[in-house]
Amino acid sequence: MSERRGWAITRTGRIDLAAQSRYGWRMTDPTSLPNFMPSAPDAGPNGAPVSDAPVRDRILDVLKGLGIEASIDGDGDLEFAIVDDQGTSTTLFARVAEGDLALVRFFGQWQLAEPVSSDRNERLARCNDLTMQLNIVKLSLVQESLVVSAEHVVTPNADLDILVPLSVNHILQSVGFFFQSWLPIDDAPAGTPGDA
């Protein structure tokens, strides 16, 4: 009998002495715990099937509403192209981790070339400086490419009509700031971070 609770404790099998001294009884065998399956979403209105990727589908709808063609690539990411005023196309991606609170990462990558320094430490320092100065976006290096991302927790009531274009604009502006920051001061356009 346990003196603390009045429960009968049988002394069969191996006893975890550390657990017994800490808790006063044997530890539960973790393999004996039930497996809890994630809850399946309820059916949609009128019994319509519910998407396995509701946040990704909402982002796809927002992109289509902005007149941006998007497709789902082999990894399940949204792939879309932004065309600027000069007709230059930039491919971006949106990766969504679905769940009760979904996570979305908008990202793209750009090859590094002149006037960007060839010194990796200078490149990393510049990425760090801009990441610290800017909101929402992170700049990083992967081999000879600049990777810029914006990550968000997407609640069920999140306004994706604001979040999607805001993220895309911040990414593209950050890329511009990064490349402009390597230009000599006389050549850099006004508005570059670090200007007085």
C-alpha atoms as a PDB file:
ATOM      1  CA  MET A   1       0.000   0.000   0.000  1.00  0.00           C
ATOM      2  CA  SER A   2       1.206   3.475  -0.791  1.00  0.00           C
ATOM      3  CA  GLU A   3       1.294   5.496   2.358  1.00  0.00           C
ATOM      4  CA  ARG A   4       0.566   8.676   0.446  1.00  0.00           C
ATOM      5  CA  ARG A   5      -2.550   7.710  -1.420  1.00  0.00           C
ATOM      6  CA  GLY A   6      -3.718   4.427  -0.033  1.00  0.00           C
ATOM      7  CA  TRP A   7      -3.247   2.671  -3.406  1.00  0.00           C
ATOM      8  CA  ALA A   8      -2.077  -0.882  -3.606  1.00  0.00           C
ATOM      9  CA  ILE A   9       1.239  -1.123  -5.451  1.00  0.00           C
ATOM     10  CA  THR A  10       2.345  -4.508  -6.608  1.00  0.00           C
ATOM     11  CA  ARG A  11       6.087  -5.034  -6.880  1.00  0.00           C
ATOM     12  CA  THR A  12       6.185  -7.032 -10.092  1.00  0.00           C
ATOM     13  CA  GLY A  13       8.748  -6.409 -12.792  1.00  0.00           C
ATOM     14  CA  ARG A  14      11.435  -3.756 -12.947  1.00  0.00           C
ATOM     15  CA  ILE A  15      10.872  -0.582 -10.971  1.00  0.00           C
ATOM     16  CA  ASP A  16      12.349   2.738 -12.038  1.00  0.00           C
ATOM     17  CA  LEU A  17      13.997   3.736  -8.764  1.00  0.00           C
ATOM     18  CA  ALA A  18      14.557   7.350  -9.815  1.00  0.00           C
ATOM     19  CA  ALA A  19      10.899   7.720 -10.763  1.00  0.00           C
ATOM     20  CA  GLN A  20       9.790   5.959  -7.615  1.00  0.00           C
ATOM     21  CA  SER A  21      11.834   8.250  -5.398  1.00  0.00           C
ATOM     22  CA  ARG A  22      10.682  11.306  -7.332  1.00  0.00           C
ATOM     23  CA  TYR A  23       6.997  10.436  -7.731  1.00  0.00           C
ATOM     24  CA  GLY A  24       6.385   7.696  -5.222  1.00  0.00           C
ATOM     25  CA  TRP A  25       5.276   5.097  -7.772  1.00  0.00           C
ATOM     26  CA  ARG A  26       6.327   3.363 -10.971  1.00  0.00           C
ATOM     27  CA  MET A  27       6.351   5.186 -14.264  1.00  0.00           C
ATOM     28  CA  THR A  28       3.653   4.320 -16.788  1.00  0.00           C
ATOM     29  CA  ASP A  29       4.831   2.371 -19.776  1.00  0.00           C
ATOM     30  CA  PRO A  30       4.657   4.983 -22.596  1.00  0.00           C
ATOM     31  CA  THR A  31       3.819   2.296 -25.145  1.00  0.00           C
ATOM     32  CA  SER A  32       0.607   1.563 -23.266  1.00  0.00           C
ATOM     33  CA  LEU A  33      -0.775   5.055 -23.934  1.00  0.00           C
ATOM     34  CA  PRO A  34      -3.439   5.326 -26.628  1.00  0.00           C
ATOM     35  CA  ASN A  35      -2.598   6.825 -30.013  1.00  0.00           C
ATOM     36  CA  PHE A  36      -4.606   9.957 -30.605  1.00  0.00           C
ATOM     37  CA  MET A  37      -5.362  10.571 -34.241  1.00  0.00           C
ATOM     38  CA  PRO A  38      -5.595  14.167 -35.469  1.00  0.00           C
ATOM     39  CA  SER A  39      -9.160  15.275 -35.836  1.00  0.00           C
ATOM     40  CA  ALA A  40     -10.492  15.218 -39.375  1.00  0.00           C
ATOM     41  CA  PRO A  41     -12.129  18.446 -40.550  1.00  0.00           C
ATOM     42  CA  ASP A  42     -15.881  18.454 -40.802  1.00  0.00           C
ATOM     43  CA  ALA A  43     -17.519  18.439 -44.177  1.00  0.00           C
ATOM     44  CA  GLY A  44     -18.088  21.789 -45.857  1.00  0.00           C
ATOM     45  CA  PRO A  45     -21.454  23.391 -46.588  1.00  0.00           C
ATOM     46  CA  ASN A  46     -24.034  21.005 -48.025  1.00  0.00           C
ATOM     47  CA  GLY A  47     -21.686  18.060 -47.452  1.00  0.00           C
ATOM     48  CA  ALA A  48     -19.057  19.337 -49.915  1.00  0.00           C
ATOM     49  CA  PRO A  49     -15.617  17.818 -49.346  1.00  0.00           C
ATOM     50  CA  VAL A  50     -13.180  19.911 -47.376  1.00  0.00           C
ATOM     51  CA  SER A  51      -9.792  20.650 -48.887  1.00  0.00           C
ATOM     52  CA  ASP A  52      -6.697  19.076 -47.360  1.00  0.00           C
ATOM     53  CA  ALA A  53      -4.987  22.466 -47.789  1.00  0.00           C
ATOM     54  CA  PRO A  54      -7.519  25.184 -46.922  1.00  0.00           C
ATOM     55  CA  VAL A  55      -4.953  27.944 -46.252  1.00  0.00           C
ATOM     56  CA  ARG A  56      -3.033  27.174 -49.440  1.00  0.00           C
ATOM     57  CA  ASP A  57      -6.334  27.314 -51.342  1.00  0.00           C
ATOM     58  CA  ARG A  58      -7.188  30.675 -49.742  1.00  0.00           C
ATOM     59  CA  ILE A  59      -3.784  32.075 -50.749  1.00  0.00           C
ATOM     60  CA  LEU A  60      -4.293  30.727 -54.280  1.00  0.00           C
ATOM     61  CA  ASP A  61      -7.649  32.529 -54.426  1.00  0.00           C
ATOM     62  CA  VAL A  62      -6.033  35.799 -53.276  1.00  0.00           C
ATOM     63  CA  LEU A  63      -3.303  35.500 -55.917  1.00  0.00           C
ATOM     64  CA  LYS A  64      -5.919  34.831 -58.608  1.00  0.00           C
ATOM     65  CA  GLY A  65      -7.895  37.836 -57.358  1.00  0.00           C
ATOM     66  CA  LEU A  66      -4.767  39.962 -57.853  1.00  0.00           C
ATOM     67  CA  GLY A  67      -4.467  38.700 -61.428  1.00  0.00           C
ATOM     68  CA  ILE A  68      -1.451  36.503 -60.652  1.00  0.00           C
ATOM     69  CA  GLU A  69      -1.345  33.044 -62.183  1.00  0.00           C
ATOM     70  CA  ALA A  70      -0.234  30.436 -59.656  1.00  0.00           C
ATOM     71  CA  SER A  71       0.251  26.699 -59.765  1.00  0.00           C
ATOM     72  CA  ILE A  72       1.044  23.962 -57.272  1.00  0.00           C
ATOM     73  CA  ASP A  73       4.505  22.489 -57.817  1.00  0.00           C
ATOM     74  CA  GLY A  74       5.740  18.960 -57.073  1.00  0.00           C
ATOM     75  CA  ASP A  75       6.485  19.854 -53.424  1.00  0.00           C
ATOM     76  CA  GLY A  76       2.958  21.142 -52.858  1.00  0.00           C
ATOM     77  CA  ASP A  77       4.110  24.778 -52.810  1.00  0.00           C
ATOM     78  CA  LEU A  78       2.361  27.551 -54.664  1.00  0.00           C
ATOM     79  CA  GLU A  79       4.552  28.865 -57.465  1.00  0.00           C
ATOM     80  CA  PHE A  80       3.724  32.250 -58.958  1.00  0.00           C
ATOM     81  CA  ALA A  81       5.421  34.941 -61.037  1.00  0.00           C
ATOM     82  CA  ILE A  82       5.405  38.672 -60.408  1.00  0.00           C
ATOM     83  CA  VAL A  83       6.044  40.811 -63.493  1.00  0.00           C
ATOM     84  CA  ASP A  84       7.366  44.332 -62.888  1.00  0.00           C
ATOM     85  CA  ASP A  85       6.817  47.455 -65.015  1.00  0.00           C
ATOM     86  CA  GLN A  86       9.828  46.603 -67.204  1.00  0.00           C
ATOM     87  CA  GLY A  87       8.414  43.147 -67.963  1.00  0.00           C
ATOM     88  CA  THR A  88      10.912  41.301 -65.751  1.00  0.00           C
ATOM     89  CA  SER A  89       9.381  38.181 -64.224  1.00  0.00           C
ATOM     90  CA  THR A  90      10.286  37.073 -60.707  1.00  0.00           C
ATOM     91  CA  THR A  91       9.221  33.636 -59.477  1.00  0.00           C
ATOM     92  CA  LEU A  92       8.133  33.361 -55.854  1.00  0.00           C
ATOM     93  CA  PHE A  93       6.775  30.495 -53.805  1.00  0.00           C
ATOM     94  CA  ALA A  94       4.399  30.038 -50.890  1.00  0.00           C
ATOM     95  CA  ARG A  95       4.867  26.986 -48.662  1.00  0.00           C
ATOM     96  CA  VAL A  96       2.032  26.269 -46.233  1.00  0.00           C
ATOM     97  CA  ALA A  97       2.157  23.971 -43.213  1.00  0.00           C
ATOM     98  CA  GLU A  98      -1.520  23.311 -42.561  1.00  0.00           C
ATOM     99  CA  GLY A  99      -2.871  22.764 -39.058  1.00  0.00           C
ATOM    100  CA  ASP A 100      -4.959  24.407 -36.375  1.00  0.00           C
ATOM    101  CA  LEU A 101      -2.659  27.401 -36.760  1.00  0.00           C
ATOM    102  CA  ALA A 102      -1.213  27.194 -40.245  1.00  0.00           C
ATOM    103  CA  LEU A 103       2.210  28.575 -41.079  1.00  0.00           C
ATOM    104  CA  VAL A 104       2.992  30.162 -44.423  1.00  0.00           C
ATOM    105  CA  ARG A 105       6.377  31.078 -45.848  1.00  0.00           C
ATOM    106  CA  PHE A 106       6.584  33.253 -48.937  1.00  0.00           C
ATOM    107  CA  PHE A 107      10.049  33.065 -50.460  1.00  0.00           C
ATOM    108  CA  GLY A 108      12.209  33.482 -53.516  1.00  0.00           C
ATOM    109  CA  GLN A 109      15.865  33.279 -54.456  1.00  0.00           C
ATOM    110  CA  TRP A 110      18.145  35.410 -56.589  1.00  0.00           C
ATOM    111  CA  GLN A 111      21.598  34.689 -58.046  1.00  0.00           C
ATOM    112  CA  LEU A 112      24.349  36.938 -56.703  1.00  0.00           C
ATOM    113  CA  ALA A 113      26.500  38.829 -59.174  1.00  0.00           C
ATOM    114  CA  GLU A 114      28.380  42.125 -59.476  1.00  0.00           C
ATOM    115  CA  PRO A 115      28.304  44.550 -57.710  1.00  0.00           C
ATOM    116  CA  VAL A 116      27.721  42.184 -54.769  1.00  0.00           C
ATOM    117  CA  SER A 117      30.973  41.415 -52.969  1.00  0.00           C
ATOM    118  CA  SER A 118      32.472  37.980 -53.470  1.00  0.00           C
ATOM    119  CA  ASP A 119      33.402  37.873 -49.754  1.00  0.00           C
ATOM    120  CA  ARG A 120      30.911  35.547 -48.019  1.00  0.00           C
ATOM    121  CA  ASN A 121      31.345  37.302 -44.656  1.00  0.00           C
ATOM    122  CA  GLU A 122      30.460  40.673 -46.196  1.00  0.00           C
ATOM    123  CA  ARG A 123      27.390  39.120 -47.803  1.00  0.00           C
ATOM    124  CA  LEU A 124      26.283  37.554 -44.524  1.00  0.00           C
ATOM    125  CA  ALA A 125      26.836  40.826 -42.665  1.00  0.00           C
ATOM    126  CA  ARG A 126      24.724  42.687 -45.228  1.00  0.00           C
ATOM    127  CA  CYS A 127      21.936  40.090 -44.963  1.00  0.00           C
ATOM    128  CA  ASN A 128      22.038  40.399 -41.175  1.00  0.00           C
ATOM    129  CA  ASP A 129      21.964  44.217 -41.297  1.00  0.00           C
ATOM    130  CA  LEU A 130      18.961  44.298 -43.604  1.00  0.00           C
ATOM    131  CA  THR A 131      17.094  41.601 -41.672  1.00  0.00           C
ATOM    132  CA  MET A 132      17.516  43.680 -38.520  1.00  0.00           C
ATOM    133  CA  GLN A 133      16.388  46.911 -40.238  1.00  0.00           C
ATOM    134  CA  LEU A 134      13.363  45.568 -42.082  1.00  0.00           C
ATOM    135  CA  ASN A 135      10.072  44.159 -40.839  1.00  0.00           C
ATOM    136  CA  ILE A 136       8.541  40.789 -41.733  1.00  0.00           C
ATOM    137  CA  VAL A 137      11.351  39.564 -44.043  1.00  0.00           C
ATOM    138  CA  LYS A 138      14.506  37.552 -43.496  1.00  0.00           C
ATOM    139  CA  LEU A 139      17.471  37.610 -45.856  1.00  0.00           C
ATOM    140  CA  SER A 140      19.897  34.706 -45.992  1.00  0.00           C
ATOM    141  CA  LEU A 141      22.476  33.106 -48.265  1.00  0.00           C
ATOM    142  CA  VAL A 142      22.437  29.653 -49.806  1.00  0.00           C
ATOM    143  CA  GLN A 143      25.631  29.059 -51.766  1.00  0.00           C
ATOM    144  CA  GLU A 144      25.650  31.774 -54.471  1.00  0.00           C
ATOM    145  CA  SER A 145      21.995  32.794 -54.004  1.00  0.00           C
ATOM    146  CA  LEU A 146      20.155  35.313 -51.890  1.00  0.00           C
ATOM    147  CA  VAL A 147      17.027  33.824 -50.293  1.00  0.00           C
ATOM    148  CA  VAL A 148      14.397  36.193 -48.944  1.00  0.00           C
ATOM    149  CA  SER A 149      11.367  34.964 -47.023  1.00  0.00           C
ATOM    150  CA  ALA A 150       8.385  36.260 -45.091  1.00  0.00           C
ATOM    151  CA  GLU A 151       6.766  33.919 -42.586  1.00  0.00           C
ATOM    152  CA  HIS A 152       3.426  34.178 -40.848  1.00  0.00           C
ATOM    153  CA  VAL A 153       1.123  32.260 -38.536  1.00  0.00           C
ATOM    154  CA  VAL A 154      -2.249  32.176 -40.282  1.00  0.00           C
ATOM    155  CA  THR A 155      -5.205  32.154 -37.934  1.00  0.00           C
ATOM    156  CA  PRO A 156      -8.651  31.137 -39.241  1.00  0.00           C
ATOM    157  CA  ASN A 157      -9.676  34.801 -39.395  1.00  0.00           C
ATOM    158  CA  ALA A 158      -6.438  36.133 -40.924  1.00  0.00           C
ATOM    159  CA  ASP A 159      -7.001  38.705 -43.664  1.00  0.00           C
ATOM    160  CA  LEU A 160      -5.046  37.104 -46.488  1.00  0.00           C
ATOM    161  CA  ASP A 161      -6.174  39.850 -48.878  1.00  0.00           C
ATOM    162  CA  ILE A 162      -3.748  42.106 -46.978  1.00  0.00           C
ATOM    163  CA  LEU A 163      -1.154  39.549 -45.862  1.00  0.00           C
ATOM    164  CA  VAL A 164      -0.327  38.101 -49.303  1.00  0.00           C
ATOM    165  CA  PRO A 165       0.402  41.340 -51.221  1.00  0.00           C
ATOM    166  CA  LEU A 166       2.135  42.827 -48.168  1.00  0.00           C
ATOM    167  CA  SER A 167       4.482  39.838 -47.948  1.00  0.00           C
ATOM    168  CA  VAL A 168       5.226  39.815 -51.679  1.00  0.00           C
ATOM    169  CA  ASN A 169       5.925  43.564 -51.712  1.00  0.00           C
ATOM    170  CA  HIS A 170       8.211  43.339 -48.678  1.00  0.00           C
ATOM    171  CA  ILE A 171      10.181  40.506 -50.274  1.00  0.00           C
ATOM    172  CA  LEU A 172      10.661  42.345 -53.563  1.00  0.00           C
ATOM    173  CA  GLN A 173      11.605  45.612 -51.835  1.00  0.00           C
ATOM    174  CA  SER A 174      14.106  43.783 -49.635  1.00  0.00           C
ATOM    175  CA  VAL A 175      15.770  42.252 -52.677  1.00  0.00           C
ATOM    176  CA  GLY A 176      16.018  45.703 -54.216  1.00  0.00           C
ATOM    177  CA  PHE A 177      17.514  47.118 -51.006  1.00  0.00           C
ATOM    178  CA  PHE A 178      20.059  44.294 -50.859  1.00  0.00           C
ATOM    179  CA  PHE A 179      21.353  44.809 -54.392  1.00  0.00           C
ATOM    180  CA  GLN A 180      21.202  48.623 -54.152  1.00  0.00           C
ATOM    181  CA  SER A 181      23.225  48.535 -50.951  1.00  0.00           C
ATOM    182  CA  TRP A 182      26.261  47.306 -52.943  1.00  0.00           C
ATOM    183  CA  LEU A 183      26.209  50.263 -55.335  1.00  0.00           C
ATOM    184  CA  PRO A 184      28.553  53.180 -54.690  1.00  0.00           C
ATOM    185  CA  ILE A 185      26.782  55.867 -52.671  1.00  0.00           C
ATOM    186  CA  ASP A 186      26.581  58.222 -55.691  1.00  0.00           C
ATOM    187  CA  ASP A 187      24.771  55.521 -57.738  1.00  0.00           C
ATOM    188  CA  ALA A 188      22.345  54.296 -55.052  1.00  0.00           C
ATOM    189  CA  PRO A 189      18.749  55.523 -55.478  1.00  0.00           C
ATOM    190  CA  ALA A 190      17.212  57.545 -52.640  1.00  0.00           C
ATOM    191  CA  GLY A 191      15.334  55.514 -50.029  1.00  0.00           C
ATOM    192  CA  THR A 192      17.941  52.811 -49.587  1.00  0.00           C
ATOM    193  CA  PRO A 193      18.083  51.657 -45.930  1.00  0.00           C
ATOM    194  CA  GLY A 194      20.814  53.517 -44.129  1.00  0.00           C
ATOM    195  CA  ASP A 195      20.134  56.825 -45.908  1.00  0.00           C
ATOM    196  CA  ALA A 196      19.748  59.790 -43.572  1.00  0.00           C
END
